[in-house]
Protein backbone atom coordinates (compact mmCIF):
# COMPACT_ATOMS: atom_id res chain seq x y z
CA UNK A 1 135.32 138.27 85.04
CA UNK A 2 137.15 134.41 84.71
CA UNK A 3 138.39 133.01 87.84
CA UNK A 4 141.46 131.19 88.59
CA UNK A 5 141.01 126.96 89.79
CA UNK A 6 142.10 128.03 92.85
CA UNK A 7 139.49 130.72 93.68
CA UNK A 8 136.21 128.33 91.65
CA UNK A 9 137.37 125.86 94.71
CA UNK A 10 137.58 127.84 97.19
CA UNK A 11 134.12 129.72 95.58
CA UNK A 12 132.15 126.01 95.71
CA UNK A 13 133.22 125.10 99.06
CA UNK A 14 131.82 127.81 100.50
CA UNK A 15 128.64 127.98 98.23
CA UNK A 16 128.44 124.13 99.74
CA UNK A 17 128.27 125.29 103.07
CA UNK A 18 125.94 128.07 102.51
CA UNK A 19 123.20 125.17 101.03
CA UNK A 20 124.37 123.29 104.05
CA UNK A 21 123.37 125.94 106.46
CA UNK A 22 119.96 126.70 105.36
CA UNK A 23 118.80 123.10 105.68
CA UNK A 24 119.72 123.24 108.87
CA UNK A 25 117.53 126.00 109.27
CA UNK A 26 114.75 125.13 107.67
CA UNK A 27 114.91 121.51 109.16
CA UNK A 28 112.12 121.13 111.56
CA UNK A 29 111.71 118.31 114.63
CA UNK A 30 108.94 116.85 115.05
CA UNK A 31 106.06 118.53 116.68
CA UNK A 32 105.45 116.38 119.80
CA UNK A 33 101.54 116.27 120.21
CA UNK A 34 99.65 114.81 123.69
CA UNK A 35 97.14 113.07 122.41
CA UNK A 36 96.30 110.23 120.61
CA UNK A 37 94.21 111.88 117.63
CA UNK A 38 94.24 114.98 115.57
CA UNK A 39 90.85 116.17 114.10
CA UNK A 40 90.73 116.87 110.62
CA UNK A 41 91.25 121.35 111.71
CA UNK A 42 94.38 119.99 113.70
CA UNK A 43 95.76 118.12 110.55
CA UNK A 44 94.91 120.75 107.99
CA UNK A 45 96.77 123.72 110.26
CA UNK A 46 99.62 121.04 110.54
CA UNK A 47 99.68 120.83 106.45
CA UNK A 48 99.80 124.63 105.90
CA UNK A 49 102.52 125.08 108.35
CA UNK A 50 104.60 122.65 106.34
CA UNK A 51 103.56 123.83 102.78
CA UNK A 52 104.61 127.27 104.79
CA UNK A 53 107.82 125.87 105.34
CA UNK A 54 108.80 124.46 102.11
CA UNK A 55 107.47 127.78 100.43
CA UNK A 56 109.89 130.00 102.77
CA UNK A 57 112.84 127.72 101.53
CA UNK A 58 111.87 128.23 97.99
CA UNK A 59 112.07 131.66 98.89
CA UNK A 60 115.54 131.37 100.45
CA UNK A 61 117.21 129.06 97.29
CA UNK A 62 115.75 131.81 94.67
CA UNK A 63 117.72 134.76 97.38
CA UNK A 64 121.15 132.39 97.38
CA UNK A 65 121.05 132.50 93.68
CA UNK A 66 120.22 135.65 93.09
CA UNK A 67 123.33 136.43 95.41
CA UNK A 68 125.53 133.89 93.65
CA UNK A 69 124.75 136.02 91.04
CA UNK A 70 126.05 139.53 92.67
CA UNK A 71 128.81 137.74 93.70
CA UNK A 72 129.95 136.97 89.96
CA UNK A 73 129.56 140.30 88.78
CA UNK A 74 132.02 141.19 91.91
CA UNK A 75 136.74 141.35 91.97
CA UNK A 76 137.34 137.23 92.97
CA UNK A 77 138.59 139.04 96.37
CA UNK A 78 135.61 140.49 97.42
CA UNK A 79 133.66 137.92 96.23
CA UNK A 80 135.49 135.75 98.66
CA UNK A 81 134.89 138.45 101.55
CA UNK A 82 131.34 138.58 100.44
CA UNK A 83 130.40 134.97 100.55
CA UNK A 84 132.74 134.68 103.80
CA UNK A 85 130.46 137.07 105.84
CA UNK A 86 127.34 135.44 104.22
CA UNK A 87 128.05 132.22 106.36
CA UNK A 88 129.38 133.80 109.67
CA UNK A 89 125.92 135.29 109.59
CA UNK A 90 124.54 132.06 108.65
CA UNK A 91 126.78 129.75 111.33
CA UNK A 92 124.60 132.55 114.09
CA UNK A 93 121.36 132.21 112.98
CA UNK A 94 122.07 128.31 112.77
CA UNK A 95 122.91 128.36 116.33
CA UNK A 96 127.07 127.60 115.80
CA UNK A 97 128.24 130.26 117.08
CA UNK A 98 127.65 131.87 120.77
CA UNK A 99 124.87 134.44 120.89
CA UNK A 100 123.37 137.20 123.41
CA UNK A 101 121.10 139.30 124.04
CA UNK A 102 117.96 140.00 126.21
CA UNK A 103 115.12 137.45 126.94
CA UNK A 104 113.90 134.94 129.83
CA UNK A 105 114.69 131.84 132.13
CA UNK A 106 112.42 129.63 132.29
CA UNK A 107 112.70 127.03 135.12
CA UNK A 108 111.05 123.26 135.34
CA UNK A 109 111.00 122.41 138.88
CA UNK A 110 109.05 120.35 140.90
CA UNK A 111 105.84 120.62 142.87
CA UNK A 112 105.83 118.89 146.49
CA UNK A 113 102.32 118.62 147.86
CA UNK A 114 101.72 120.15 151.59
CA UNK A 115 100.66 116.68 153.83
CA UNK A 116 102.08 113.49 154.47
CA UNK A 117 101.58 110.81 151.93
CA UNK A 118 104.45 109.51 149.98
CA UNK A 119 106.04 111.21 147.22
CA UNK A 120 107.76 110.39 144.37
CA UNK A 121 109.89 113.14 142.98
CA UNK A 122 108.60 114.58 139.50
CA UNK A 123 110.59 113.27 136.73
CA UNK A 124 110.52 115.05 132.92
CA UNK A 125 110.05 113.74 130.12
CA UNK A 126 111.13 114.31 126.41
CA UNK A 127 107.17 114.70 125.73
CA UNK A 128 106.04 117.34 127.97
CA UNK A 129 110.42 119.02 127.55
CA UNK A 130 109.28 119.20 123.15
CA UNK A 131 105.63 120.54 124.27
CA UNK A 132 107.20 123.39 126.11
CA UNK A 133 109.62 124.44 123.16
CA UNK A 134 107.19 124.16 120.49
CA UNK A 135 105.21 126.49 122.93
CA UNK A 136 108.34 128.62 123.47
CA UNK A 137 109.06 128.85 119.37
CA UNK A 138 104.90 129.94 118.51
CA UNK A 139 105.64 132.62 121.29
CA UNK A 140 108.65 134.05 119.94
CA UNK A 141 111.63 132.79 120.80
CA UNK A 142 114.67 133.00 118.73
CA UNK A 143 117.40 130.85 120.46
CA UNK A 144 117.27 128.49 122.79
CA UNK A 145 119.49 126.01 125.18
CA UNK A 146 118.18 123.95 128.12
CA UNK A 147 120.69 124.36 130.35
CA UNK A 148 124.41 124.16 128.57
CA UNK A 149 122.72 122.74 125.22
CA UNK A 150 122.25 124.82 122.62
CA UNK A 151 118.79 123.92 120.86
CA UNK A 152 119.16 124.04 117.19
CA UNK A 153 116.66 122.91 114.33
CA UNK A 154 118.06 119.50 114.42
CA UNK A 155 118.49 119.15 118.06
CA UNK A 156 116.30 115.80 119.52
CA UNK A 157 114.86 115.94 122.34
CA UNK A 158 114.62 111.69 123.95
CA UNK A 159 114.38 109.83 126.21
CA UNK A 160 116.98 107.79 127.00
CA UNK A 161 116.84 104.70 129.83
CA UNK A 162 114.70 106.48 132.04
CA UNK A 163 116.65 109.99 131.52
CA UNK A 164 116.05 113.19 129.22
CA UNK A 165 118.75 113.63 126.17
CA UNK A 166 119.31 116.80 124.65
CA UNK A 167 121.66 116.52 121.84
CA UNK A 168 123.80 114.06 122.90
CA UNK A 169 123.44 115.04 126.63
CA UNK A 170 121.36 113.92 129.99
CA UNK A 171 120.28 117.32 131.57
CA UNK A 172 119.82 116.31 134.31
CA UNK A 173 116.63 115.43 137.52
CA UNK A 174 114.83 119.25 138.09
CA UNK A 175 115.12 121.99 138.62
CA UNK A 176 116.31 122.50 134.43
CA UNK A 177 116.79 126.02 132.74
CA UNK A 178 115.65 126.89 129.85
CA UNK A 179 117.34 130.04 128.01
CA UNK A 180 115.38 132.27 125.62
CA UNK A 181 116.35 134.44 123.49
CA UNK A 182 113.11 136.81 122.13
CA UNK A 183 112.75 140.27 120.86
CA UNK A 184 109.83 140.68 124.06
CA UNK A 185 110.60 139.00 126.53
CA UNK A 186 107.41 140.53 128.44
CA UNK A 187 105.12 139.37 125.65
CA UNK A 188 106.90 135.94 125.82
CA UNK A 189 106.22 135.45 129.59
CA UNK A 190 102.26 136.87 129.27
CA UNK A 191 101.92 133.60 126.80
CA UNK A 192 103.97 131.74 129.03
CA UNK A 193 101.30 132.38 132.50
CA UNK A 194 98.03 131.42 130.42
CA UNK A 195 99.81 128.56 128.50
CA UNK A 196 98.32 125.28 128.52
CA UNK A 197 101.73 123.60 129.94
CA UNK A 198 101.10 125.23 133.10
CA UNK A 199 98.12 122.16 132.97
CA UNK A 200 100.03 119.88 131.27
CA UNK A 201 103.19 120.09 134.20
CA UNK A 202 101.53 120.71 136.89
CA UNK A 203 99.66 116.63 136.42
CA UNK A 204 103.36 115.75 136.37
CA UNK A 205 103.00 117.87 139.64
CA UNK A 206 106.06 120.51 137.96
CA UNK A 207 105.50 124.24 137.28
CA UNK A 208 107.10 126.58 135.52
CA UNK A 209 108.97 129.65 136.45
CA UNK A 210 109.89 132.65 134.12
CA UNK A 211 112.26 135.41 134.95
CA UNK A 212 113.19 138.26 132.70
CA UNK A 213 116.69 139.45 131.71
CA UNK A 214 118.40 141.89 130.62
CA UNK A 215 121.39 139.89 129.15
CA UNK A 216 121.36 136.09 128.51
CA UNK A 217 124.28 134.52 126.92
CA UNK A 218 123.71 130.96 125.23
CA UNK A 219 126.27 129.25 123.53
CA UNK A 220 127.31 127.74 120.68
CA UNK A 221 126.23 124.27 119.50
CA UNK A 222 129.23 122.17 120.01
CA UNK A 223 128.64 118.84 118.58
CA UNK A 224 130.28 117.83 115.53
CA UNK A 225 127.91 118.78 111.93
CA UNK A 226 129.48 116.91 108.96
CA UNK A 227 130.21 119.82 106.42
CA UNK A 228 131.24 117.97 103.66
CA UNK A 229 133.57 120.25 101.79
CA UNK A 230 134.89 122.48 104.64
CA UNK A 231 137.84 120.42 104.61
CA UNK A 232 138.63 121.54 100.99
CA UNK A 233 138.39 125.21 102.29
CA UNK A 234 139.95 125.18 104.71
CA UNK A 235 143.34 123.53 103.12
CA UNK A 236 142.12 126.66 100.40
CA UNK A 237 142.54 128.94 103.14
CA UNK A 238 146.13 127.39 104.58
CA UNK A 239 147.66 127.51 101.22
CA UNK A 240 146.77 131.66 100.90
CA UNK A 241 148.30 132.28 104.50
């Protein structure tokens, strides 16, 4: 079936956005090691993980190409509706929409010694926070937010002038809450309770507290992401209205 020029531009714009969303989903944050060296086993494991990520990306590209072939067999209006639905699903998976579900609230709070010695107020570092986020991902986290900052796969966690920034916002001093959506909250809590993260945080006079909740609402990622062809798409939608 031949498409009009208007339809071709509209579908091309949506395909561009789908590709961009897939790129967001598979962009990986650099894992933070708390040790200065890694042995050969750890290096091989990291390499294997990167290869698995690449293979998953290739599979997604192949699936997208097959999906586009199916779209081409549909009437123009049905193509647009199907592509729009795909975009909404990808936006949810990429963290660009508000989402809710069951999960765990992970609270990082200070530990104060029960003596008369002077103790500085514990300070969270980006390295410790990133290490914990990596572990939560390993334990089955589907979506996360730190305070009111939604985490997506391109979220930076870094130290800036002695403060921890998530995305482009400081998260403040302890206590800090991490909101985690997961299919199995109890299993995640069990993993956290025996995790080596507890030892790392205890060395810095901090502790990890967990709470299982039946309903969590995570905000959407609300910072600007350049979608390139989005302006073209919006102009087409305005022309149709």
